[in-house]
Amino acid sequence: MAHAPEAPATSTTAEGPTPHTQNQAAALTKLREPFQPSQISKLPKIWCNKCSKAPYKECEHHKKQHCDECKNKITTAHLHLDYVGHAELTGRLLEADPRWTWEPLAFDADGLPKFDGNGGLWIRLTVAGQERLGYGDAQGKTGPNAVKEAIGDALRNAAMRFGAALNLWSKTDMDEADAETKNLAVQPSREERLEELYTLVQKRWGNLEGLRAVKVQVGEDNFHESLVHDTTGQTRPFGEILDDRIRELVQDHKEQEFFRRMRNGWDTVIGNEASLAEAKAKNFLDLEVPYGPDKVPTRIEDVLTRRIAELQAPNDEQGSAT
């Protein structure tokens, strides 16, 4: 009795059924072939924690300079991680199996690839009828570029499970471990770190957002109760000094915004009445400003009350305020 020919095994992917290639072993071997030096890119990575946190990405121990290897102007405290780009990896996948494909492990309500709570994407990569899982993220990028970065990262991660660029992944792991060792070796003492943050506060004394950023670092490094000198020379907890100064700057900002609105409404009765109501609501009535020809310090309540009276009596001499 004749037997019907067997249909080839299939693997269901995002692009539909894909036949297993007859030269599956050769295809998977192709994936593991080393990449040529011209196909390997250099990714600069700062290993010094202080440089990473510094506004201009350099600290007192390391300075920026042109790097001949990665062609960037970057702190000397960096290393280069070897990696294969999206285009080079795609070329290798096509050489191994022209019908390779990938699909996300989950889809969102709109039918798009679903990202997890960390902004990462899990995928399933299928090459020569074999499947491997991979995970990628956007390395801090946002917008459309973040999606492309996550997909490329996930493909590299999944392809590594097939052995693609495995030697580069191993080298990267060792380089990052070496970088961490270097970073630990140059970490400042707690006394040096406290002095660094204290100096930063002095530089940012009039910058509200700058001080808020320092406050976060003070909290992360557990320096809130550390004793330092305030502007009068008294010894007080670092966090307390920061909190007081931030409150001062917030209050000053509120007052300056009030004075701006007060100036805008200065020529109308309605505008000054609105300023008077705002001053009462915000406890600004006792604030003093220079008023009149002699610039005498005068309470806000008195200034506004007089100004309203002047505007309501047009024949009277108009007052002026600074």
C-alpha atoms as a PDB file:
ATOM      1  CA  MET A   1       0.000   0.000   0.000  1.00  0.00           C
ATOM      2  CA  ALA A   2       1.430   3.334  -1.043  1.00  0.00           C
ATOM      3  CA  HIS A   3       2.046   5.960   1.539  1.00  0.00           C
ATOM      4  CA  ALA A   4       1.371   9.641   0.959  1.00  0.00           C
ATOM      5  CA  PRO A   5       4.480  11.841   1.212  1.00  0.00           C
ATOM      6  CA  GLU A   6       4.960  13.413   4.646  1.00  0.00           C
ATOM      7  CA  ALA A   7       4.451  17.144   4.894  1.00  0.00           C
ATOM      8  CA  PRO A   8       7.445  19.012   6.283  1.00  0.00           C
ATOM      9  CA  ALA A   9       7.271  20.072   9.922  1.00  0.00           C
ATOM     10  CA  THR A  10       6.264  23.675  10.357  1.00  0.00           C
ATOM     11  CA  SER A  11       6.704  26.399  12.955  1.00  0.00           C
ATOM     12  CA  THR A  12       3.971  28.985  13.349  1.00  0.00           C
ATOM     13  CA  THR A  13       5.376  32.526  13.610  1.00  0.00           C
ATOM     14  CA  ALA A  14       4.147  36.081  13.203  1.00  0.00           C
ATOM     15  CA  GLU A  15       4.585  35.702   9.431  1.00  0.00           C
ATOM     16  CA  GLY A  16       2.813  32.372   9.161  1.00  0.00           C
ATOM     17  CA  PRO A  17       4.091  28.791   8.869  1.00  0.00           C
ATOM     18  CA  THR A  18       7.815  28.498   8.078  1.00  0.00           C
ATOM     19  CA  PRO A  19       9.161  25.118   6.762  1.00  0.00           C
ATOM     20  CA  HIS A  20      12.124  23.686   8.611  1.00  0.00           C
ATOM     21  CA  THR A  21      15.160  23.996   6.415  1.00  0.00           C
ATOM     22  CA  GLN A  22      16.731  20.722   5.350  1.00  0.00           C
ATOM     23  CA  ASN A  23      20.153  22.121   6.146  1.00  0.00           C
ATOM     24  CA  GLN A  24      19.152  23.142   9.633  1.00  0.00           C
ATOM     25  CA  ALA A  25      22.485  22.182  11.175  1.00  0.00           C
ATOM     26  CA  ALA A  26      24.374  24.240   8.576  1.00  0.00           C
ATOM     27  CA  ALA A  27      22.117  27.237   9.208  1.00  0.00           C
ATOM     28  CA  LEU A  28      22.660  27.111  12.970  1.00  0.00           C
ATOM     29  CA  THR A  29      26.396  26.682  12.441  1.00  0.00           C
ATOM     30  CA  LYS A  30      26.373  29.802  10.277  1.00  0.00           C
ATOM     31  CA  LEU A  31      24.924  31.786  13.152  1.00  0.00           C
ATOM     32  CA  ARG A  32      27.865  30.851  15.357  1.00  0.00           C
ATOM     33  CA  GLU A  33      30.534  31.994  12.911  1.00  0.00           C
ATOM     34  CA  PRO A  34      32.683  34.869  14.270  1.00  0.00           C
ATOM     35  CA  PHE A  35      31.877  38.316  12.926  1.00  0.00           C
ATOM     36  CA  GLN A  36      34.514  40.194  10.973  1.00  0.00           C
ATOM     37  CA  PRO A  37      36.249  43.114  12.756  1.00  0.00           C
ATOM     38  CA  SER A  38      34.558  45.535  10.330  1.00  0.00           C
ATOM     39  CA  GLN A  39      31.182  44.244  11.532  1.00  0.00           C
ATOM     40  CA  ILE A  40      31.917  44.908  15.215  1.00  0.00           C
ATOM     41  CA  SER A  41      31.145  48.339  16.692  1.00  0.00           C
ATOM     42  CA  LYS A  42      32.499  50.001  19.820  1.00  0.00           C
ATOM     43  CA  LEU A  43      30.075  51.211  22.469  1.00  0.00           C
ATOM     44  CA  PRO A  44      31.708  53.643  24.949  1.00  0.00           C
ATOM     45  CA  LYS A  45      30.654  53.133  28.549  1.00  0.00           C
ATOM     46  CA  ILE A  46      31.677  55.352  31.488  1.00  0.00           C
ATOM     47  CA  TRP A  47      32.842  53.176  34.361  1.00  0.00           C
ATOM     48  CA  CYS A  48      33.470  55.947  36.930  1.00  0.00           C
ATOM     49  CA  ASN A  49      30.353  56.487  39.008  1.00  0.00           C
ATOM     50  CA  LYS A  50      31.375  60.064  39.857  1.00  0.00           C
ATOM     51  CA  CYS A  51      31.798  60.952  36.180  1.00  0.00           C
ATOM     52  CA  SER A  52      28.390  59.429  35.383  1.00  0.00           C
ATOM     53  CA  LYS A  53      26.657  61.568  38.004  1.00  0.00           C
ATOM     54  CA  ALA A  54      28.559  64.787  37.254  1.00  0.00           C
ATOM     55  CA  PRO A  55      26.708  67.446  35.161  1.00  0.00           C
ATOM     56  CA  TYR A  56      29.418  67.450  32.486  1.00  0.00           C
ATOM     57  CA  LYS A  57      30.267  63.736  32.802  1.00  0.00           C
ATOM     58  CA  GLU A  58      33.726  64.263  34.293  1.00  0.00           C
ATOM     59  CA  CYS A  59      34.969  64.344  37.873  1.00  0.00           C
ATOM     60  CA  GLU A  60      38.033  65.763  39.629  1.00  0.00           C
ATOM     61  CA  HIS A  61      39.952  62.544  38.952  1.00  0.00           C
ATOM     62  CA  HIS A  62      39.127  62.213  35.234  1.00  0.00           C
ATOM     63  CA  LYS A  63      38.850  64.719  32.405  1.00  0.00           C
ATOM     64  CA  LYS A  64      37.246  64.659  28.975  1.00  0.00           C
ATOM     65  CA  GLN A  65      39.395  64.224  25.914  1.00  0.00           C
ATOM     66  CA  HIS A  66      39.068  62.940  22.357  1.00  0.00           C
ATOM     67  CA  CYS A  67      39.123  59.146  22.148  1.00  0.00           C
ATOM     68  CA  ASP A  68      40.773  57.763  19.016  1.00  0.00           C
ATOM     69  CA  GLU A  69      38.957  54.440  19.365  1.00  0.00           C
ATOM     70  CA  CYS A  70      35.313  55.520  19.643  1.00  0.00           C
ATOM     71  CA  LYS A  71      35.822  59.039  18.179  1.00  0.00           C
ATOM     72  CA  ASN A  72      33.996  60.691  21.081  1.00  0.00           C
ATOM     73  CA  LYS A  73      35.004  63.475  23.440  1.00  0.00           C
ATOM     74  CA  ILE A  74      34.462  61.627  26.669  1.00  0.00           C
ATOM     75  CA  THR A  75      35.912  61.159  30.136  1.00  0.00           C
ATOM     76  CA  THR A  76      39.057  59.063  30.268  1.00  0.00           C
ATOM     77  CA  ALA A  77      37.217  56.811  32.732  1.00  0.00           C
ATOM     78  CA  HIS A  78      35.459  54.823  30.042  1.00  0.00           C
ATOM     79  CA  LEU A  79      35.839  51.520  28.257  1.00  0.00           C
ATOM     80  CA  HIS A  80      34.595  50.109  24.968  1.00  0.00           C
ATOM     81  CA  LEU A  81      32.106  47.276  24.746  1.00  0.00           C
ATOM     82  CA  ASP A  82      32.192  45.287  21.503  1.00  0.00           C
ATOM     83  CA  TYR A  83      28.800  44.696  19.949  1.00  0.00           C
ATOM     84  CA  VAL A  84      27.201  43.765  16.644  1.00  0.00           C
ATOM     85  CA  GLY A  85      24.721  46.284  15.276  1.00  0.00           C
ATOM     86  CA  HIS A  86      21.168  45.598  14.117  1.00  0.00           C
ATOM     87  CA  ALA A  87      22.080  45.644  10.414  1.00  0.00           C
ATOM     88  CA  GLU A  88      25.027  43.253  10.810  1.00  0.00           C
ATOM     89  CA  LEU A  89      22.971  40.832  12.892  1.00  0.00           C
ATOM     90  CA  THR A  90      20.102  40.950  10.397  1.00  0.00           C
ATOM     91  CA  GLY A  91      22.535  40.121   7.615  1.00  0.00           C
ATOM     92  CA  ARG A  92      23.811  37.095   9.528  1.00  0.00           C
ATOM     93  CA  LEU A  93      20.259  35.894  10.220  1.00  0.00           C
ATOM     94  CA  LEU A  94      19.407  36.156   6.529  1.00  0.00           C
ATOM     95  CA  GLU A  95      22.535  34.189   5.616  1.00  0.00           C
ATOM     96  CA  ALA A  96      21.521  31.441   8.042  1.00  0.00           C
ATOM     97  CA  ASP A  97      17.827  31.369   7.131  1.00  0.00           C
ATOM     98  CA  PRO A  98      16.221  33.814   4.642  1.00  0.00           C
ATOM     99  CA  ARG A  99      12.860  33.069   6.266  1.00  0.00           C
ATOM    100  CA  TRP A 100      13.852  33.795   9.856  1.00  0.00           C
ATOM    101  CA  THR A 101      11.295  35.727  11.874  1.00  0.00           C
ATOM    102  CA  TRP A 102      10.514  37.045  15.319  1.00  0.00           C
ATOM    103  CA  GLU A 103       7.376  37.862  17.291  1.00  0.00           C
ATOM    104  CA  PRO A 104       6.671  39.414  20.688  1.00  0.00           C
ATOM    105  CA  LEU A 105       5.587  37.070  23.446  1.00  0.00           C
ATOM    106  CA  ALA A 106       2.607  39.307  24.237  1.00  0.00           C
ATOM    107  CA  PHE A 107       0.483  41.975  22.542  1.00  0.00           C
ATOM    108  CA  ASP A 108      -1.265  44.994  24.055  1.00  0.00           C
ATOM    109  CA  ALA A 109      -4.905  46.043  23.568  1.00  0.00           C
ATOM    110  CA  ASP A 110      -4.001  47.742  20.271  1.00  0.00           C
ATOM    111  CA  GLY A 111      -2.381  44.609  18.893  1.00  0.00           C
ATOM    112  CA  LEU A 112       1.143  46.016  19.266  1.00  0.00           C
ATOM    113  CA  PRO A 113       4.098  44.354  21.013  1.00  0.00           C
ATOM    114  CA  LYS A 114       3.580  44.575  24.768  1.00  0.00           C
ATOM    115  CA  PHE A 115       6.379  46.030  26.894  1.00  0.00           C
ATOM    116  CA  ASP A 116       6.748  45.053  30.539  1.00  0.00           C
ATOM    117  CA  GLY A 117       6.792  47.352  33.562  1.00  0.00           C
ATOM    118  CA  ASN A 118      10.518  47.964  33.139  1.00  0.00           C
ATOM    119  CA  GLY A 119      10.129  49.094  29.527  1.00  0.00           C
ATOM    120  CA  GLY A 120      11.541  45.811  28.238  1.00  0.00           C
ATOM    121  CA  LEU A 121      10.317  43.556  25.446  1.00  0.00           C
ATOM    122  CA  TRP A 122      10.278  39.750  25.398  1.00  0.00           C
ATOM    123  CA  ILE A 123      10.422  38.176  21.936  1.00  0.00           C
ATOM    124  CA  ARG A 124      10.562  34.765  20.279  1.00  0.00           C
ATOM    125  CA  LEU A 125      13.175  34.430  17.522  1.00  0.00           C
ATOM    126  CA  THR A 126      12.758  31.605  15.010  1.00  0.00           C
ATOM    127  CA  VAL A 127      15.686  30.518  12.815  1.00  0.00           C
ATOM    128  CA  ALA A 128      15.756  27.308  10.778  1.00  0.00           C
ATOM    129  CA  GLY A 129      12.699  26.039  12.597  1.00  0.00           C
ATOM    130  CA  GLN A 130      14.292  26.530  16.026  1.00  0.00           C
ATOM    131  CA  GLU A 131      13.022  29.038  18.589  1.00  0.00           C
ATOM    132  CA  ARG A 132      14.842  31.036  21.266  1.00  0.00           C
ATOM    133  CA  LEU A 133      13.550  33.694  23.654  1.00  0.00           C
ATOM    134  CA  GLY A 134      15.189  37.088  23.988  1.00  0.00           C
ATOM    135  CA  TYR A 135      14.770  40.236  26.064  1.00  0.00           C
ATOM    136  CA  GLY A 136      15.639  43.813  25.144  1.00  0.00           C
ATOM    137  CA  ASP A 137      15.284  47.316  26.524  1.00  0.00           C
ATOM    138  CA  ALA A 138      15.866  50.852  25.248  1.00  0.00           C
ATOM    139  CA  GLN A 139      18.834  51.752  27.495  1.00  0.00           C
ATOM    140  CA  GLY A 140      17.096  54.882  28.771  1.00  0.00           C
ATOM    141  CA  LYS A 141      15.963  56.181  25.365  1.00  0.00           C
ATOM    142  CA  THR A 142      12.442  57.508  24.825  1.00  0.00           C
ATOM    143  CA  GLY A 143      10.045  57.924  21.924  1.00  0.00           C
ATOM    144  CA  PRO A 144      10.111  55.956  18.649  1.00  0.00           C
ATOM    145  CA  ASN A 145      13.852  55.382  18.943  1.00  0.00           C
ATOM    146  CA  ALA A 146      13.226  53.566  22.216  1.00  0.00           C
ATOM    147  CA  VAL A 147      11.015  50.997  20.476  1.00  0.00           C
ATOM    148  CA  LYS A 148      13.604  50.354  17.765  1.00  0.00           C
ATOM    149  CA  GLU A 149      16.380  50.124  20.343  1.00  0.00           C
ATOM    150  CA  ALA A 150      14.418  47.600  22.417  1.00  0.00           C
ATOM    151  CA  ILE A 151      13.679  45.425  19.380  1.00  0.00           C
ATOM    152  CA  GLY A 152      17.316  45.456  18.241  1.00  0.00           C
ATOM    153  CA  ASP A 153      18.498  44.664  21.760  1.00  0.00           C
ATOM    154  CA  ALA A 154      16.015  41.790  22.059  1.00  0.00           C
ATOM    155  CA  LEU A 155      17.123  40.346  18.702  1.00  0.00           C
ATOM    156  CA  ARG A 156      20.784  40.443  19.756  1.00  0.00           C
ATOM    157  CA  ASN A 157      19.873  38.803  23.057  1.00  0.00           C
ATOM    158  CA  ALA A 158      17.826  36.057  21.396  1.00  0.00           C
ATOM    159  CA  ALA A 159      20.435  35.485  18.663  1.00  0.00           C
ATOM    160  CA  MET A 160      23.057  35.078  21.386  1.00  0.00           C
ATOM    161  CA  ARG A 161      21.025  32.049  22.560  1.00  0.00           C
ATOM    162  CA  PHE A 162      21.785  30.553  19.154  1.00  0.00           C
ATOM    163  CA  GLY A 163      25.461  31.381  19.637  1.00  0.00           C
ATOM    164  CA  ALA A 164      25.579  34.525  17.480  1.00  0.00           C
ATOM    165  CA  ALA A 165      28.366  36.852  18.711  1.00  0.00           C
ATOM    166  CA  LEU A 166      28.620  34.764  21.872  1.00  0.00           C
ATOM    167  CA  ASN A 167      32.316  35.574  22.230  1.00  0.00           C
ATOM    168  CA  LEU A 168      31.484  39.296  22.258  1.00  0.00           C
ATOM    169  CA  TRP A 169      28.881  38.812  24.978  1.00  0.00           C
ATOM    170  CA  SER A 170      31.440  36.939  27.087  1.00  0.00           C
ATOM    171  CA  LYS A 171      34.006  39.700  26.598  1.00  0.00           C
ATOM    172  CA  THR A 172      31.412  42.340  27.469  1.00  0.00           C
ATOM    173  CA  ASP A 173      30.563  40.564  30.720  1.00  0.00           C
ATOM    174  CA  MET A 174      34.247  40.482  31.680  1.00  0.00           C
ATOM    175  CA  ASP A 175      34.784  44.128  30.666  1.00  0.00           C
ATOM    176  CA  GLU A 176      31.818  45.290  32.732  1.00  0.00           C
ATOM    177  CA  ALA A 177      33.034  43.303  35.733  1.00  0.00           C
ATOM    178  CA  ASP A 178      36.465  44.906  35.322  1.00  0.00           C
ATOM    179  CA  ALA A 179      34.846  48.351  35.086  1.00  0.00           C
ATOM    180  CA  GLU A 180      32.946  47.743  38.312  1.00  0.00           C
ATOM    181  CA  THR A 181      36.195  46.759  40.029  1.00  0.00           C
ATOM    182  CA  LYS A 182      37.827  49.983  38.826  1.00  0.00           C
ATOM    183  CA  ASN A 183      34.850  52.013  39.962  1.00  0.00           C
ATOM    184  CA  LEU A 184      34.983  50.549  43.455  1.00  0.00           C
ATOM    185  CA  ALA A 185      38.688  51.331  43.608  1.00  0.00           C
ATOM    186  CA  VAL A 186      38.118  55.056  42.976  1.00  0.00           C
ATOM    187  CA  GLN A 187      35.012  55.533  45.093  1.00  0.00           C
ATOM    188  CA  PRO A 188      35.492  58.520  47.435  1.00  0.00           C
ATOM    189  CA  SER A 189      35.351  58.103  51.190  1.00  0.00           C
ATOM    190  CA  ARG A 190      32.208  59.268  52.985  1.00  0.00           C
ATOM    191  CA  GLU A 191      34.068  62.347  54.166  1.00  0.00           C
ATOM    192  CA  GLU A 192      35.087  63.190  50.584  1.00  0.00           C
ATOM    193  CA  ARG A 193      31.578  62.578  49.298  1.00  0.00           C
ATOM    194  CA  LEU A 194      30.066  64.789  52.008  1.00  0.00           C
ATOM    195  CA  GLU A 195      32.529  67.570  51.177  1.00  0.00           C
ATOM    196  CA  GLU A 196      31.676  67.181  47.487  1.00  0.00           C
ATOM    197  CA  LEU A 197      27.937  67.597  48.121  1.00  0.00           C
ATOM    198  CA  TYR A 198      28.512  70.471  50.552  1.00  0.00           C
ATOM    199  CA  THR A 199      30.557  72.319  47.900  1.00  0.00           C
ATOM    200  CA  LEU A 200      27.829  71.635  45.342  1.00  0.00           C
ATOM    201  CA  VAL A 201      25.218  73.188  47.651  1.00  0.00           C
ATOM    202  CA  GLN A 202      27.323  76.335  47.940  1.00  0.00           C
ATOM    203  CA  LYS A 203      27.521  76.598  44.145  1.00  0.00           C
ATOM    204  CA  ARG A 204      23.767  76.098  43.766  1.00  0.00           C
ATOM    205  CA  TRP A 205      22.654  78.192  46.756  1.00  0.00           C
ATOM    206  CA  GLY A 206      20.323  80.347  44.647  1.00  0.00           C
ATOM    207  CA  ASN A 207      19.154  77.575  42.299  1.00  0.00           C
ATOM    208  CA  LEU A 208      15.954  75.899  43.500  1.00  0.00           C
ATOM    209  CA  GLU A 209      15.987  72.950  41.106  1.00  0.00           C
ATOM    210  CA  GLY A 210      19.723  72.507  41.607  1.00  0.00           C
ATOM    211  CA  LEU A 211      19.291  72.241  45.385  1.00  0.00           C
ATOM    212  CA  ARG A 212      16.407  69.819  45.005  1.00  0.00           C
ATOM    213  CA  ALA A 213      18.665  67.578  42.921  1.00  0.00           C
ATOM    214  CA  VAL A 214      21.379  67.735  45.601  1.00  0.00           C
ATOM    215  CA  LYS A 215      18.793  66.905  48.268  1.00  0.00           C
ATOM    216  CA  VAL A 216      18.027  63.658  46.436  1.00  0.00           C
ATOM    217  CA  GLN A 217      21.731  62.742  46.452  1.00  0.00           C
ATOM    218  CA  VAL A 218      22.050  63.667  50.135  1.00  0.00           C
ATOM    219  CA  GLY A 219      19.178  61.315  50.902  1.00  0.00           C
ATOM    220  CA  GLU A 220      20.591  58.502  48.762  1.00  0.00           C
ATOM    221  CA  ASP A 221      23.966  58.777  50.526  1.00  0.00           C
ATOM    222  CA  ASN A 222      22.375  59.033  54.009  1.00  0.00           C
ATOM    223  CA  PHE A 223      23.883  62.450  54.778  1.00  0.00           C
ATOM    224  CA  HIS A 224      20.668  64.083  55.998  1.00  0.00           C
ATOM    225  CA  GLU A 225      21.808  64.027  59.639  1.00  0.00           C
ATOM    226  CA  SER A 226      25.483  64.773  58.926  1.00  0.00           C
ATOM    227  CA  LEU A 227      26.637  67.995  60.622  1.00  0.00           C
ATOM    228  CA  VAL A 228      27.943  70.852  58.462  1.00  0.00           C
ATOM    229  CA  HIS A 229      28.222  74.641  58.790  1.00  0.00           C
ATOM    230  CA  ASP A 230      25.369  76.876  57.644  1.00  0.00           C
ATOM    231  CA  THR A 231      25.811  80.405  56.238  1.00  0.00           C
ATOM    232  CA  THR A 232      26.127  81.866  59.751  1.00  0.00           C
ATOM    233  CA  GLY A 233      28.850  79.410  60.745  1.00  0.00           C
ATOM    234  CA  GLN A 234      26.611  77.336  63.018  1.00  0.00           C
ATOM    235  CA  THR A 235      26.802  73.537  62.916  1.00  0.00           C
ATOM    236  CA  ARG A 236      23.519  71.972  61.833  1.00  0.00           C
ATOM    237  CA  PRO A 237      22.260  68.797  60.097  1.00  0.00           C
ATOM    238  CA  PHE A 238      22.928  68.946  56.361  1.00  0.00           C
ATOM    239  CA  GLY A 239      19.368  67.975  55.437  1.00  0.00           C
ATOM    240  CA  GLU A 240      17.903  70.633  57.720  1.00  0.00           C
ATOM    241  CA  ILE A 241      20.004  73.348  56.081  1.00  0.00           C
ATOM    242  CA  LEU A 242      18.926  72.159  52.643  1.00  0.00           C
ATOM    243  CA  ASP A 243      15.232  72.025  53.604  1.00  0.00           C
ATOM    244  CA  ASP A 244      15.322  75.550  55.051  1.00  0.00           C
ATOM    245  CA  ARG A 245      17.021  76.985  51.976  1.00  0.00           C
ATOM    246  CA  ILE A 246      14.631  75.231  49.601  1.00  0.00           C
ATOM    247  CA  ARG A 247      11.674  76.659  51.554  1.00  0.00           C
ATOM    248  CA  GLU A 248      13.242  80.126  51.323  1.00  0.00           C
ATOM    249  CA  LEU A 249      13.637  79.844  47.559  1.00  0.00           C
ATOM    250  CA  VAL A 250      10.103  78.513  47.124  1.00  0.00           C
ATOM    251  CA  GLN A 251       8.739  81.395  49.188  1.00  0.00           C
ATOM    252  CA  ASP A 252      10.838  83.904  47.253  1.00  0.00           C
ATOM    253  CA  HIS A 253       9.528  82.473  43.975  1.00  0.00           C
ATOM    254  CA  LYS A 254       5.940  82.844  45.195  1.00  0.00           C
ATOM    255  CA  GLU A 255       6.561  86.425  46.264  1.00  0.00           C
ATOM    256  CA  GLN A 256       8.189  87.361  42.957  1.00  0.00           C
ATOM    257  CA  GLU A 257       5.248  85.882  41.050  1.00  0.00           C
ATOM    258  CA  PHE A 258       2.870  87.882  43.255  1.00  0.00           C
ATOM    259  CA  PHE A 259       4.776  91.133  42.633  1.00  0.00           C
ATOM    260  CA  ARG A 260       4.676  90.442  38.883  1.00  0.00           C
ATOM    261  CA  ARG A 261       0.896  90.059  38.948  1.00  0.00           C
ATOM    262  CA  MET A 262       0.628  93.104  41.213  1.00  0.00           C
ATOM    263  CA  ARG A 263       2.541  95.217  38.663  1.00  0.00           C
ATOM    264  CA  ASN A 264       0.326  93.937  35.851  1.00  0.00           C
ATOM    265  CA  GLY A 265      -2.815  95.064  37.710  1.00  0.00           C
ATOM    266  CA  TRP A 266      -1.375  98.333  39.007  1.00  0.00           C
ATOM    267  CA  ASP A 267      -3.352 100.648  36.705  1.00  0.00           C
ATOM    268  CA  THR A 268      -6.870  99.400  37.452  1.00  0.00           C
ATOM    269  CA  VAL A 269      -9.019  99.228  40.548  1.00  0.00           C
ATOM    270  CA  ILE A 270     -10.032  95.655  39.723  1.00  0.00           C
ATOM    271  CA  GLY A 271      -6.387  94.609  39.294  1.00  0.00           C
ATOM    272  CA  ASN A 272      -5.351  96.072  42.657  1.00  0.00           C
ATOM    273  CA  GLU A 273      -8.359  94.604  44.423  1.00  0.00           C
ATOM    274  CA  ALA A 274      -7.382  91.196  43.027  1.00  0.00           C
ATOM    275  CA  SER A 275      -3.813  91.728  44.286  1.00  0.00           C
ATOM    276  CA  LEU A 276      -5.122  92.700  47.719  1.00  0.00           C
ATOM    277  CA  ALA A 277      -7.275  89.551  47.877  1.00  0.00           C
ATOM    278  CA  GLU A 278      -4.292  87.399  46.829  1.00  0.00           C
ATOM    279  CA  ALA A 279      -2.062  89.076  49.429  1.00  0.00           C
ATOM    280  CA  LYS A 280      -4.586  88.264  52.145  1.00  0.00           C
ATOM    281  CA  ALA A 281      -4.895  84.636  51.003  1.00  0.00           C
ATOM    282  CA  LYS A 282      -1.125  84.142  50.904  1.00  0.00           C
ATOM    283  CA  ASN A 283      -0.253  86.123  54.052  1.00  0.00           C
ATOM    284  CA  PHE A 284       1.667  88.732  52.066  1.00  0.00           C
ATOM    285  CA  LEU A 285      -0.055  91.750  53.644  1.00  0.00           C
ATOM    286  CA  ASP A 286       2.877  92.492  55.962  1.00  0.00           C
ATOM    287  CA  LEU A 287       5.529  92.261  53.239  1.00  0.00           C
ATOM    288  CA  GLU A 288       7.218  95.601  52.704  1.00  0.00           C
ATOM    289  CA  VAL A 289       8.136  97.265  49.402  1.00  0.00           C
ATOM    290  CA  PRO A 290       9.619 100.695  48.612  1.00  0.00           C
ATOM    291  CA  TYR A 291       6.719 103.109  48.006  1.00  0.00           C
ATOM    292  CA  GLY A 292       6.297 106.727  47.049  1.00  0.00           C
ATOM    293  CA  PRO A 293       8.840 109.331  45.932  1.00  0.00           C
ATOM    294  CA  ASP A 294      11.048 108.646  48.946  1.00  0.00           C
ATOM    295  CA  LYS A 295      10.934 104.853  48.511  1.00  0.00           C
ATOM    296  CA  VAL A 296       9.771 104.326  52.055  1.00  0.00           C
ATOM    297  CA  PRO A 297       9.351 100.638  53.051  1.00  0.00           C
ATOM    298  CA  THR A 298       5.590 100.168  53.199  1.00  0.00           C
ATOM    299  CA  ARG A 299       3.342  97.182  53.905  1.00  0.00           C
ATOM    300  CA  ILE A 300       1.714  95.580  50.866  1.00  0.00           C
ATOM    301  CA  GLU A 301      -1.729  96.060  52.407  1.00  0.00           C
ATOM    302  CA  ASP A 302      -1.151  99.805  52.817  1.00  0.00           C
ATOM    303  CA  VAL A 303       0.319 100.148  49.303  1.00  0.00           C
ATOM    304  CA  LEU A 304      -2.621  98.466  47.640  1.00  0.00           C
ATOM    305  CA  THR A 305      -5.228 100.229  49.776  1.00  0.00           C
ATOM    306  CA  ARG A 306      -3.741 103.617  48.911  1.00  0.00           C
ATOM    307  CA  ARG A 307      -3.471 102.741  45.235  1.00  0.00           C
ATOM    308  CA  ILE A 308      -7.126 101.708  45.071  1.00  0.00           C
ATOM    309  CA  ALA A 309      -8.126 104.985  46.728  1.00  0.00           C
ATOM    310  CA  GLU A 310      -6.016 106.950  44.233  1.00  0.00           C
ATOM    311  CA  LEU A 311      -7.613 105.219  41.248  1.00  0.00           C
ATOM    312  CA  GLN A 312     -11.093 105.794  42.663  1.00  0.00           C
ATOM    313  CA  ALA A 313     -10.341 109.534  43.052  1.00  0.00           C
ATOM    314  CA  PRO A 314      -8.889 110.496  39.647  1.00  0.00           C
ATOM    315  CA  ASN A 315      -8.436 114.136  40.618  1.00  0.00           C
ATOM    316  CA  ASP A 316      -6.054 113.231  43.411  1.00  0.00           C
ATOM    317  CA  GLU A 317      -2.320 113.010  42.787  1.00  0.00           C
ATOM    318  CA  GLN A 318      -1.420 109.559  41.605  1.00  0.00           C
ATOM    319  CA  GLY A 319       0.967 107.532  43.763  1.00  0.00           C
ATOM    320  CA  SER A 320       3.754 105.436  42.395  1.00  0.00           C
ATOM    321  CA  ALA A 321       5.343 102.209  43.497  1.00  0.00           C
ATOM    322  CA  THR A 322       8.544 100.435  42.644  1.00  0.00           C
END
